[in-house]
């Protein structure tokens, strides 16, 4: 018993030492795992924070970029409106529309003109000869249009039409090959004269190519805005050009009446079957 008792403490001490080493190793292992976990957790939190920070910065940048684009667009729109308003103000302090070229019609060149597509089974257009013969059956009033350039110009028009009363707008056509077109294309104001039945010769003069249309016996004088006004007509208007619309080999002129007058009574001059005629009862 005594020898056994002396031996056992050593055995227990060795066993305890082994256990202690194992526990120390286990604690070290746990500490290392905890340290690795903490480092991983720190790294993960740092990565999440960095991603969040990048996302926030990206969000701020995107919002700032959107705001800047909206602000630029808004400033550009305001500037454009201001430029248009200033152009209109300079062109006409009274608020009347400034002359402009509008979109074309008839498939010919013009701002915004689009080719016309005929319906299935229909030709693209009738022959010019047929078109003219149809309108020879159409009786029309006769007017003379005048404008001021380096010299006065004018031509006879049978296409004059009242477009609207409010505002007072009219229209007429002019061929781009007309000798009056270059001046009329740049004119701000023009004169419109309604002829009476006694003025067939005046109508023929302003329809004749190469004639000095303002020489005697034509009687005229400068009117408002320097527009040439003919004497003895049934009615007259001074108009401001509002639009020049391309239409085939012509231009459709839209103008706004700003002054005018009538002689009162009288019978109109008509154009029918290629001739100037008086109105018959």
C-alpha atoms as a PDB file:
ATOM      1  CA  UNK A   1       0.000   0.000   0.000  1.00  0.00           C
ATOM      2  CA  UNK A   2       2.778   2.336   0.871  1.00  0.00           C
ATOM      3  CA  UNK A   3       4.641   1.711  -2.387  1.00  0.00           C
ATOM      4  CA  UNK A   4       1.425   1.978  -4.386  1.00  0.00           C
ATOM      5  CA  UNK A   5       0.549   5.127  -2.577  1.00  0.00           C
ATOM      6  CA  UNK A   6       3.899   6.610  -3.431  1.00  0.00           C
ATOM      7  CA  UNK A   7       3.521   5.693  -7.127  1.00  0.00           C
ATOM      8  CA  UNK A   8      -0.015   6.943  -7.696  1.00  0.00           C
ATOM      9  CA  UNK A   9       0.650  10.655  -7.126  1.00  0.00           C
ATOM     10  CA  UNK A  10       3.152  10.640  -9.945  1.00  0.00           C
ATOM     11  CA  UNK A  11       0.672   8.924 -12.229  1.00  0.00           C
ATOM     12  CA  UNK A  12      -2.007  11.393 -11.334  1.00  0.00           C
ATOM     13  CA  UNK A  13       0.437  14.268 -11.876  1.00  0.00           C
ATOM     14  CA  UNK A  14       1.333  13.024 -15.355  1.00  0.00           C
ATOM     15  CA  UNK A  15      -2.315  12.498 -16.171  1.00  0.00           C
ATOM     16  CA  UNK A  16      -3.186  15.958 -14.885  1.00  0.00           C
ATOM     17  CA  UNK A  17      -0.369  17.451 -16.928  1.00  0.00           C
ATOM     18  CA  UNK A  18      -1.672  15.707 -20.050  1.00  0.00           C
ATOM     19  CA  UNK A  19      -5.182  16.961 -19.368  1.00  0.00           C
ATOM     20  CA  UNK A  20      -3.861  20.444 -18.691  1.00  0.00           C
ATOM     21  CA  UNK A  21      -1.923  20.405 -21.975  1.00  0.00           C
ATOM     22  CA  UNK A  22      -5.023  19.247 -23.819  1.00  0.00           C
ATOM     23  CA  UNK A  23      -7.128  21.911 -22.173  1.00  0.00           C
ATOM     24  CA  UNK A  24      -4.525  24.536 -23.000  1.00  0.00           C
ATOM     25  CA  UNK A  25      -4.455  23.357 -26.600  1.00  0.00           C
ATOM     26  CA  UNK A  26      -8.241  23.375 -26.717  1.00  0.00           C
ATOM     27  CA  UNK A  27      -8.379  26.864 -25.250  1.00  0.00           C
ATOM     28  CA  UNK A  28      -5.706  28.021 -27.716  1.00  0.00           C
ATOM     29  CA  UNK A  29      -7.651  26.429 -30.548  1.00  0.00           C
ATOM     30  CA  UNK A  30     -10.867  28.102 -29.401  1.00  0.00           C
ATOM     31  CA  UNK A  31      -9.024  31.398 -29.003  1.00  0.00           C
ATOM     32  CA  UNK A  32      -7.573  31.053 -32.501  1.00  0.00           C
ATOM     33  CA  UNK A  33     -10.991  30.184 -33.940  1.00  0.00           C
ATOM     34  CA  UNK A  34     -12.518  33.113 -32.060  1.00  0.00           C
ATOM     35  CA  UNK A  35      -9.770  35.376 -33.334  1.00  0.00           C
ATOM     36  CA  UNK A  36     -10.282  34.121 -36.880  1.00  0.00           C
ATOM     37  CA  UNK A  37     -14.046  34.536 -36.487  1.00  0.00           C
ATOM     38  CA  UNK A  38     -13.589  38.025 -35.131  1.00  0.00           C
ATOM     39  CA  UNK A  39     -11.273  38.912 -37.974  1.00  0.00           C
ATOM     40  CA  UNK A  40     -13.713  37.430 -40.494  1.00  0.00           C
ATOM     41  CA  UNK A  41     -16.592  39.263 -38.811  1.00  0.00           C
ATOM     42  CA  UNK A  42     -14.608  42.507 -38.806  1.00  0.00           C
ATOM     43  CA  UNK A  43     -13.663  41.970 -42.436  1.00  0.00           C
ATOM     44  CA  UNK A  44     -17.274  41.168 -43.345  1.00  0.00           C
ATOM     45  CA  UNK A  45     -18.591  44.194 -41.474  1.00  0.00           C
ATOM     46  CA  UNK A  46     -15.905  46.330 -43.091  1.00  0.00           C
ATOM     47  CA  UNK A  47     -16.795  44.933 -46.525  1.00  0.00           C
ATOM     48  CA  UNK A  48     -20.499  45.555 -45.928  1.00  0.00           C
ATOM     49  CA  UNK A  49     -19.745  49.065 -44.719  1.00  0.00           C
ATOM     50  CA  UNK A  50     -17.550  49.719 -47.743  1.00  0.00           C
ATOM     51  CA  UNK A  51     -20.225  48.384 -50.109  1.00  0.00           C
ATOM     52  CA  UNK A  52     -22.849  50.501 -48.352  1.00  0.00           C
ATOM     53  CA  UNK A  53     -20.583  53.538 -48.530  1.00  0.00           C
ATOM     54  CA  UNK A  54     -19.949  52.940 -52.231  1.00  0.00           C
ATOM     55  CA  UNK A  55     -23.685  52.469 -52.866  1.00  0.00           C
ATOM     56  CA  UNK A  56     -24.463  55.652 -50.949  1.00  0.00           C
ATOM     57  CA  UNK A  57     -21.826  57.583 -52.867  1.00  0.00           C
ATOM     58  CA  UNK A  58     -23.144  56.129 -56.133  1.00  0.00           C
ATOM     59  CA  UNK A  59     -26.694  57.079 -55.122  1.00  0.00           C
ATOM     60  CA  UNK A  60     -25.602  60.595 -54.270  1.00  0.00           C
ATOM     61  CA  UNK A  61     -23.711  60.845 -57.544  1.00  0.00           C
ATOM     62  CA  UNK A  62     -26.670  59.498 -59.545  1.00  0.00           C
ATOM     63  CA  UNK A  63     -29.122  61.858 -57.831  1.00  0.00           C
ATOM     64  CA  UNK A  64     -26.728  64.749 -58.363  1.00  0.00           C
ATOM     65  CA  UNK A  65     -26.323  63.760 -62.022  1.00  0.00           C
ATOM     66  CA  UNK A  66     -30.084  63.503 -62.512  1.00  0.00           C
ATOM     67  CA  UNK A  67     -30.550  66.829 -60.793  1.00  0.00           C
ATOM     68  CA  UNK A  68     -27.849  68.403 -62.924  1.00  0.00           C
ATOM     69  CA  UNK A  69     -29.369  67.030 -66.143  1.00  0.00           C
ATOM     70  CA  UNK A  70     -32.840  68.242 -65.139  1.00  0.00           C
ATOM     71  CA  UNK A  71     -31.405  71.625 -64.206  1.00  0.00           C
ATOM     72  CA  UNK A  72     -29.530  71.883 -67.507  1.00  0.00           C
ATOM     73  CA  UNK A  73     -32.665  70.874 -69.448  1.00  0.00           C
ATOM     74  CA  UNK A  74     -34.757  73.366 -67.496  1.00  0.00           C
ATOM     75  CA  UNK A  75     -32.259  76.169 -68.111  1.00  0.00           C
ATOM     76  CA  UNK A  76     -32.071  75.267 -71.822  1.00  0.00           C
ATOM     77  CA  UNK A  77     -35.878  75.243 -72.083  1.00  0.00           C
ATOM     78  CA  UNK A  78     -36.139  78.605 -70.320  1.00  0.00           C
ATOM     79  CA  UNK A  79     -33.419  80.005 -72.565  1.00  0.00           C
ATOM     80  CA  UNK A  80     -35.193  78.721 -75.681  1.00  0.00           C
ATOM     81  CA  UNK A  81     -38.511  80.224 -74.594  1.00  0.00           C
ATOM     82  CA  UNK A  82     -36.766  83.478 -73.785  1.00  0.00           C
ATOM     83  CA  UNK A  83     -35.076  83.549 -77.184  1.00  0.00           C
ATOM     84  CA  UNK A  84     -38.376  82.927 -78.970  1.00  0.00           C
ATOM     85  CA  UNK A  85     -40.117  85.608 -76.924  1.00  0.00           C
ATOM     86  CA  UNK A  86     -37.320  88.083 -77.603  1.00  0.00           C
ATOM     87  CA  UNK A  87     -37.408  87.289 -81.313  1.00  0.00           C
ATOM     88  CA  UNK A  88     -41.175  87.810 -81.364  1.00  0.00           C
ATOM     89  CA  UNK A  89     -40.836  91.055 -79.383  1.00  0.00           C
ATOM     90  CA  UNK A  90     -38.181  92.455 -81.709  1.00  0.00           C
ATOM     91  CA  UNK A  91     -40.094  91.310 -84.776  1.00  0.00           C
ATOM     92  CA  UNK A  92     -43.363  92.837 -83.620  1.00  0.00           C
ATOM     93  CA  UNK A  93     -43.733  94.987 -80.498  1.00  0.00           C
ATOM     94  CA  UNK A  94     -47.520  94.822 -80.953  1.00  0.00           C
ATOM     95  CA  UNK A  95     -47.516  91.040 -80.576  1.00  0.00           C
ATOM     96  CA  UNK A  96     -48.261  90.060 -84.176  1.00  0.00           C
ATOM     97  CA  UNK A  97     -46.661  86.843 -85.454  1.00  0.00           C
ATOM     98  CA  UNK A  98     -43.296  87.213 -87.166  1.00  0.00           C
ATOM     99  CA  UNK A  99     -42.985  85.956 -90.763  1.00  0.00           C
ATOM    100  CA  UNK A 100     -41.868  82.368 -90.970  1.00  0.00           C
ATOM    101  CA  UNK A 101     -41.653  79.438 -93.354  1.00  0.00           C
ATOM    102  CA  UNK A 102     -44.057  76.667 -92.400  1.00  0.00           C
ATOM    103  CA  UNK A 103     -44.075  72.980 -93.275  1.00  0.00           C
ATOM    104  CA  UNK A 104     -44.466  72.044 -96.926  1.00  0.00           C
ATOM    105  CA  UNK A 105     -47.476  70.313 -98.486  1.00  0.00           C
ATOM    106  CA  UNK A 106     -47.987  68.368-101.672  1.00  0.00           C
ATOM    107  CA  UNK A 107     -44.946  66.127-101.263  1.00  0.00           C
ATOM    108  CA  UNK A 108     -42.525  68.934-102.210  1.00  0.00           C
ATOM    109  CA  UNK A 109     -39.626  70.106-100.043  1.00  0.00           C
ATOM    110  CA  UNK A 110     -40.548  72.016 -96.917  1.00  0.00           C
ATOM    111  CA  UNK A 111     -39.848  71.887 -93.202  1.00  0.00           C
ATOM    112  CA  UNK A 112     -41.521  68.703 -91.988  1.00  0.00           C
ATOM    113  CA  UNK A 113     -42.916  67.762 -95.424  1.00  0.00           C
ATOM    114  CA  UNK A 114     -43.663  64.044 -95.735  1.00  0.00           C
ATOM    115  CA  UNK A 115     -44.121  62.111 -98.979  1.00  0.00           C
ATOM    116  CA  UNK A 116     -47.766  61.403 -99.733  1.00  0.00           C
ATOM    117  CA  UNK A 117     -48.804  57.807-100.385  1.00  0.00           C
ATOM    118  CA  UNK A 118     -51.826  57.373-102.692  1.00  0.00           C
ATOM    119  CA  UNK A 119     -54.543  54.937-101.727  1.00  0.00           C
ATOM    120  CA  UNK A 120     -54.443  51.513-103.379  1.00  0.00           C
ATOM    121  CA  UNK A 121     -55.744  51.649-106.947  1.00  0.00           C
ATOM    122  CA  UNK A 122     -55.577  55.481-107.227  1.00  0.00           C
ATOM    123  CA  UNK A 123     -53.019  57.436-109.267  1.00  0.00           C
ATOM    124  CA  UNK A 124     -50.622  59.756-107.474  1.00  0.00           C
ATOM    125  CA  UNK A 125     -52.083  62.868-109.157  1.00  0.00           C
ATOM    126  CA  UNK A 126     -54.255  63.983-112.067  1.00  0.00           C
ATOM    127  CA  UNK A 127     -52.609  65.473-115.143  1.00  0.00           C
ATOM    128  CA  UNK A 128     -51.896  69.238-114.898  1.00  0.00           C
ATOM    129  CA  UNK A 129     -54.028  69.872-118.012  1.00  0.00           C
ATOM    130  CA  UNK A 130     -57.056  68.248-116.416  1.00  0.00           C
ATOM    131  CA  UNK A 131     -56.470  70.153-113.182  1.00  0.00           C
ATOM    132  CA  UNK A 132     -56.355  73.488-115.030  1.00  0.00           C
ATOM    133  CA  UNK A 133     -59.474  72.695-117.047  1.00  0.00           C
ATOM    134  CA  UNK A 134     -61.402  71.916-113.873  1.00  0.00           C
ATOM    135  CA  UNK A 135     -60.499  75.263-112.322  1.00  0.00           C
ATOM    136  CA  UNK A 136     -61.380  77.148-115.507  1.00  0.00           C
ATOM    137  CA  UNK A 137     -64.952  76.243-114.517  1.00  0.00           C
ATOM    138  CA  UNK A 138     -64.448  77.908-111.154  1.00  0.00           C
ATOM    139  CA  UNK A 139     -65.291  81.625-111.128  1.00  0.00           C
ATOM    140  CA  UNK A 140     -63.016  83.559-108.780  1.00  0.00           C
ATOM    141  CA  UNK A 141     -62.676  87.112-107.586  1.00  0.00           C
ATOM    142  CA  UNK A 142     -59.696  89.123-108.813  1.00  0.00           C
ATOM    143  CA  UNK A 143     -57.132  90.814-106.578  1.00  0.00           C
ATOM    144  CA  UNK A 144     -53.792  92.543-107.052  1.00  0.00           C
ATOM    145  CA  UNK A 145     -51.050  91.892-104.488  1.00  0.00           C
ATOM    146  CA  UNK A 146     -48.324  94.509-104.048  1.00  0.00           C
ATOM    147  CA  UNK A 147     -45.129  94.750-101.984  1.00  0.00           C
ATOM    148  CA  UNK A 148     -42.272  97.191-101.541  1.00  0.00           C
ATOM    149  CA  UNK A 149     -38.710  96.326-102.521  1.00  0.00           C
ATOM    150  CA  UNK A 150     -35.993  98.357-104.211  1.00  0.00           C
ATOM    151  CA  UNK A 151     -38.896  99.055-106.544  1.00  0.00           C
ATOM    152  CA  UNK A 152     -42.580  98.220-106.072  1.00  0.00           C
ATOM    153  CA  UNK A 153     -43.756  94.820-107.296  1.00  0.00           C
ATOM    154  CA  UNK A 154     -47.207  93.384-107.821  1.00  0.00           C
ATOM    155  CA  UNK A 155     -49.176  90.620-109.540  1.00  0.00           C
ATOM    156  CA  UNK A 156     -52.761  89.587-110.223  1.00  0.00           C
ATOM    157  CA  UNK A 157     -54.096  86.851-107.951  1.00  0.00           C
ATOM    158  CA  UNK A 158     -57.277  84.805-108.271  1.00  0.00           C
ATOM    159  CA  UNK A 159     -56.452  82.534-105.315  1.00  0.00           C
ATOM    160  CA  UNK A 160     -57.213  85.074-102.569  1.00  0.00           C
ATOM    161  CA  UNK A 161     -59.109  83.446 -99.677  1.00  0.00           C
ATOM    162  CA  UNK A 162     -60.404  84.645 -96.328  1.00  0.00           C
ATOM    163  CA  UNK A 163     -58.951  82.249 -93.742  1.00  0.00           C
ATOM    164  CA  UNK A 164     -60.246  83.592 -90.418  1.00  0.00           C
ATOM    165  CA  UNK A 165     -61.896  86.666 -88.934  1.00  0.00           C
ATOM    166  CA  UNK A 166     -60.305  86.423 -85.466  1.00  0.00           C
ATOM    167  CA  UNK A 167     -57.469  87.020 -86.004  1.00  0.00           C
ATOM    168  CA  UNK A 168     -58.110  88.464 -89.485  1.00  0.00           C
ATOM    169  CA  UNK A 169     -56.102  86.127 -91.728  1.00  0.00           C
ATOM    170  CA  UNK A 170     -56.091  85.676 -95.500  1.00  0.00           C
ATOM    171  CA  UNK A 171     -54.102  83.541 -97.915  1.00  0.00           C
ATOM    172  CA  UNK A 172     -53.110  83.454-101.565  1.00  0.00           C
ATOM    173  CA  UNK A 173     -50.685  81.520-103.772  1.00  0.00           C
ATOM    174  CA  UNK A 174     -47.686  82.767-105.732  1.00  0.00           C
ATOM    175  CA  UNK A 175     -45.406  80.837-108.079  1.00  0.00           C
ATOM    176  CA  UNK A 176     -41.743  80.777-107.146  1.00  0.00           C
ATOM    177  CA  UNK A 177     -40.942  81.622-110.786  1.00  0.00           C
ATOM    178  CA  UNK A 178     -42.940  84.860-110.543  1.00  0.00           C
ATOM    179  CA  UNK A 179     -40.930  88.077-110.948  1.00  0.00           C
ATOM    180  CA  UNK A 180     -42.589  89.332-107.733  1.00  0.00           C
ATOM    181  CA  UNK A 181     -41.556  86.339-105.617  1.00  0.00           C
ATOM    182  CA  UNK A 182     -38.021  87.414-104.603  1.00  0.00           C
ATOM    183  CA  UNK A 183     -39.362  90.675-103.136  1.00  0.00           C
ATOM    184  CA  UNK A 184     -42.466  89.095-101.623  1.00  0.00           C
ATOM    185  CA  UNK A 185     -40.368  86.341-100.030  1.00  0.00           C
ATOM    186  CA  UNK A 186     -38.544  88.985 -97.956  1.00  0.00           C
ATOM    187  CA  UNK A 187     -41.430  91.413 -97.440  1.00  0.00           C
ATOM    188  CA  UNK A 188     -42.837  92.047 -93.991  1.00  0.00           C
ATOM    189  CA  UNK A 189     -45.946  93.855 -95.222  1.00  0.00           C
ATOM    190  CA  UNK A 190     -47.971  93.621 -98.428  1.00  0.00           C
ATOM    191  CA  UNK A 191     -51.017  95.200-100.017  1.00  0.00           C
ATOM    192  CA  UNK A 192     -54.178  93.365-101.114  1.00  0.00           C
ATOM    193  CA  UNK A 193     -56.544  95.086-103.581  1.00  0.00           C
ATOM    194  CA  UNK A 194     -60.009  93.815-104.574  1.00  0.00           C
ATOM    195  CA  UNK A 195     -60.760  94.917-108.131  1.00  0.00           C
ATOM    196  CA  UNK A 196     -64.095  96.120-109.465  1.00  0.00           C
ATOM    197  CA  UNK A 197     -65.664  95.179-112.796  1.00  0.00           C
ATOM    198  CA  UNK A 198     -64.272  98.353-114.409  1.00  0.00           C
ATOM    199  CA  UNK A 199     -60.651  97.321-113.705  1.00  0.00           C
ATOM    200  CA  UNK A 200     -60.158  94.445-116.142  1.00  0.00           C
ATOM    201  CA  UNK A 201     -57.324  96.346-117.844  1.00  0.00           C
ATOM    202  CA  UNK A 202     -55.564  96.901-114.493  1.00  0.00           C
ATOM    203  CA  UNK A 203     -55.862  93.168-113.784  1.00  0.00           C
ATOM    204  CA  UNK A 204     -54.415  92.367-117.224  1.00  0.00           C
ATOM    205  CA  UNK A 205     -51.508  94.779-116.647  1.00  0.00           C
ATOM    206  CA  UNK A 206     -50.506  93.102-113.388  1.00  0.00           C
ATOM    207  CA  UNK A 207     -50.836  89.684-115.030  1.00  0.00           C
ATOM    208  CA  UNK A 208     -48.673  90.597-118.063  1.00  0.00           C
ATOM    209  CA  UNK A 209     -45.089  89.360-118.002  1.00  0.00           C
ATOM    210  CA  UNK A 210     -42.440  92.021-118.564  1.00  0.00           C
ATOM    211  CA  UNK A 211     -44.825  94.970-118.167  1.00  0.00           C
ATOM    212  CA  UNK A 212     -43.975  98.059-116.114  1.00  0.00           C
ATOM    213  CA  UNK A 213     -46.952  97.507-113.875  1.00  0.00           C
ATOM    214  CA  UNK A 214     -46.648 100.698-111.862  1.00  0.00           C
ATOM    215  CA  UNK A 215     -46.168 103.048-114.820  1.00  0.00           C
ATOM    216  CA  UNK A 216     -49.032 105.199-116.144  1.00  0.00           C
ATOM    217  CA  UNK A 217     -51.909 104.696-116.483  1.00  0.00           C
ATOM    218  CA  UNK A 218     -51.620 102.781-113.151  1.00  0.00           C
ATOM    219  CA  UNK A 219     -52.300 105.161-110.278  1.00  0.00           C
ATOM    220  CA  UNK A 220     -50.802 104.329-106.898  1.00  0.00           C
ATOM    221  CA  UNK A 221     -49.196 105.867-103.824  1.00  0.00           C
ATOM    222  CA  UNK A 222     -47.196 104.610-100.812  1.00  0.00           C
ATOM    223  CA  UNK A 223     -49.471 103.467 -98.001  1.00  0.00           C
ATOM    224  CA  UNK A 224     -48.902 102.331 -94.401  1.00  0.00           C
ATOM    225  CA  UNK A 225     -45.499 100.722 -93.994  1.00  0.00           C
ATOM    226  CA  UNK A 226     -44.528 101.984 -97.451  1.00  0.00           C
ATOM    227  CA  UNK A 227     -46.756  99.383 -99.127  1.00  0.00           C
ATOM    228  CA  UNK A 228     -47.799 100.441-102.674  1.00  0.00           C
ATOM    229  CA  UNK A 229     -51.575 101.056-102.705  1.00  0.00           C
ATOM    230  CA  UNK A 230     -53.567 101.234-105.949  1.00  0.00           C
ATOM    231  CA  UNK A 231     -56.162 103.950-106.481  1.00  0.00           C
ATOM    232  CA  UNK A 232     -59.802 103.345-107.338  1.00  0.00           C
ATOM    233  CA  UNK A 233     -60.099  99.748-106.084  1.00  0.00           C
ATOM    234  CA  UNK A 234     -63.240  98.342-104.480  1.00  0.00           C
ATOM    235  CA  UNK A 235     -61.415  97.479-101.218  1.00  0.00           C
ATOM    236  CA  UNK A 236     -57.872  97.247 -99.892  1.00  0.00           C
ATOM    237  CA  UNK A 237     -55.928  95.783 -96.989  1.00  0.00           C
ATOM    238  CA  UNK A 238     -52.402  96.171 -95.655  1.00  0.00           C
ATOM    239  CA  UNK A 239     -51.298  92.853 -94.212  1.00  0.00           C
ATOM    240  CA  UNK A 240     -48.351  91.499 -92.286  1.00  0.00           C
ATOM    241  CA  UNK A 241     -46.923  88.236 -93.560  1.00  0.00           C
ATOM    242  CA  UNK A 242     -47.451  85.442 -91.014  1.00  0.00           C
ATOM    243  CA  UNK A 243     -46.328  82.335 -92.921  1.00  0.00           C
ATOM    244  CA  UNK A 244     -44.906  81.164 -96.229  1.00  0.00           C
ATOM    245  CA  UNK A 245     -45.951  77.574 -96.843  1.00  0.00           C
ATOM    246  CA  UNK A 246     -44.192  75.560 -99.586  1.00  0.00           C
ATOM    247  CA  UNK A 247     -46.809  73.983-101.879  1.00  0.00           C
ATOM    248  CA  UNK A 248     -45.465  72.384-105.043  1.00  0.00           C
ATOM    249  CA  UNK A 249     -43.943  75.063-107.304  1.00  0.00           C
ATOM    250  CA  UNK A 250     -45.876  77.744-105.396  1.00  0.00           C
ATOM    251  CA  UNK A 251     -45.861  79.267-101.951  1.00  0.00           C
ATOM    252  CA  UNK A 252     -49.029  79.711 -99.939  1.00  0.00           C
ATOM    253  CA  UNK A 253     -48.789  83.105 -98.227  1.00  0.00           C
ATOM    254  CA  UNK A 254     -50.733  83.571 -94.993  1.00  0.00           C
ATOM    255  CA  UNK A 255     -51.025  87.186 -93.853  1.00  0.00           C
ATOM    256  CA  UNK A 256     -52.740  89.141 -91.096  1.00  0.00           C
ATOM    257  CA  UNK A 257     -54.708  92.289 -91.975  1.00  0.00           C
ATOM    258  CA  UNK A 258     -53.589  95.325 -89.974  1.00  0.00           C
ATOM    259  CA  UNK A 259     -55.271  98.175 -91.933  1.00  0.00           C
ATOM    260  CA  UNK A 260     -57.829  98.475 -94.682  1.00  0.00           C
ATOM    261  CA  UNK A 261     -60.810 100.196 -96.243  1.00  0.00           C
ATOM    262  CA  UNK A 262     -63.628  99.830 -98.790  1.00  0.00           C
ATOM    263  CA  UNK A 263     -65.031 102.105-101.470  1.00  0.00           C
ATOM    264  CA  UNK A 264     -68.541 100.815-100.827  1.00  0.00           C
ATOM    265  CA  UNK A 265     -70.856  99.341-103.446  1.00  0.00           C
ATOM    266  CA  UNK A 266     -69.677  98.423-106.908  1.00  0.00           C
ATOM    267  CA  UNK A 267     -69.645  95.116-108.703  1.00  0.00           C
ATOM    268  CA  UNK A 268     -66.700  92.732-108.592  1.00  0.00           C
ATOM    269  CA  UNK A 269     -64.374  91.661-111.363  1.00  0.00           C
ATOM    270  CA  UNK A 270     -64.330  87.900-111.907  1.00  0.00           C
ATOM    271  CA  UNK A 271     -61.958  85.471-113.586  1.00  0.00           C
ATOM    272  CA  UNK A 272     -63.664  82.610-115.436  1.00  0.00           C
ATOM    273  CA  UNK A 273     -62.728  80.413-118.398  1.00  0.00           C
ATOM    274  CA  UNK A 274     -59.374  82.187-118.688  1.00  0.00           C
ATOM    275  CA  UNK A 275     -60.921  85.660-119.045  1.00  0.00           C
ATOM    276  CA  UNK A 276     -61.769  88.645-116.845  1.00  0.00           C
ATOM    277  CA  UNK A 277     -65.531  89.072-116.688  1.00  0.00           C
ATOM    278  CA  UNK A 278     -68.127  91.216-114.983  1.00  0.00           C
ATOM    279  CA  UNK A 279     -70.730  89.634-112.737  1.00  0.00           C
ATOM    280  CA  UNK A 280     -74.004  89.111-114.608  1.00  0.00           C
ATOM    281  CA  UNK A 281     -77.418  89.096-112.930  1.00  0.00           C
END
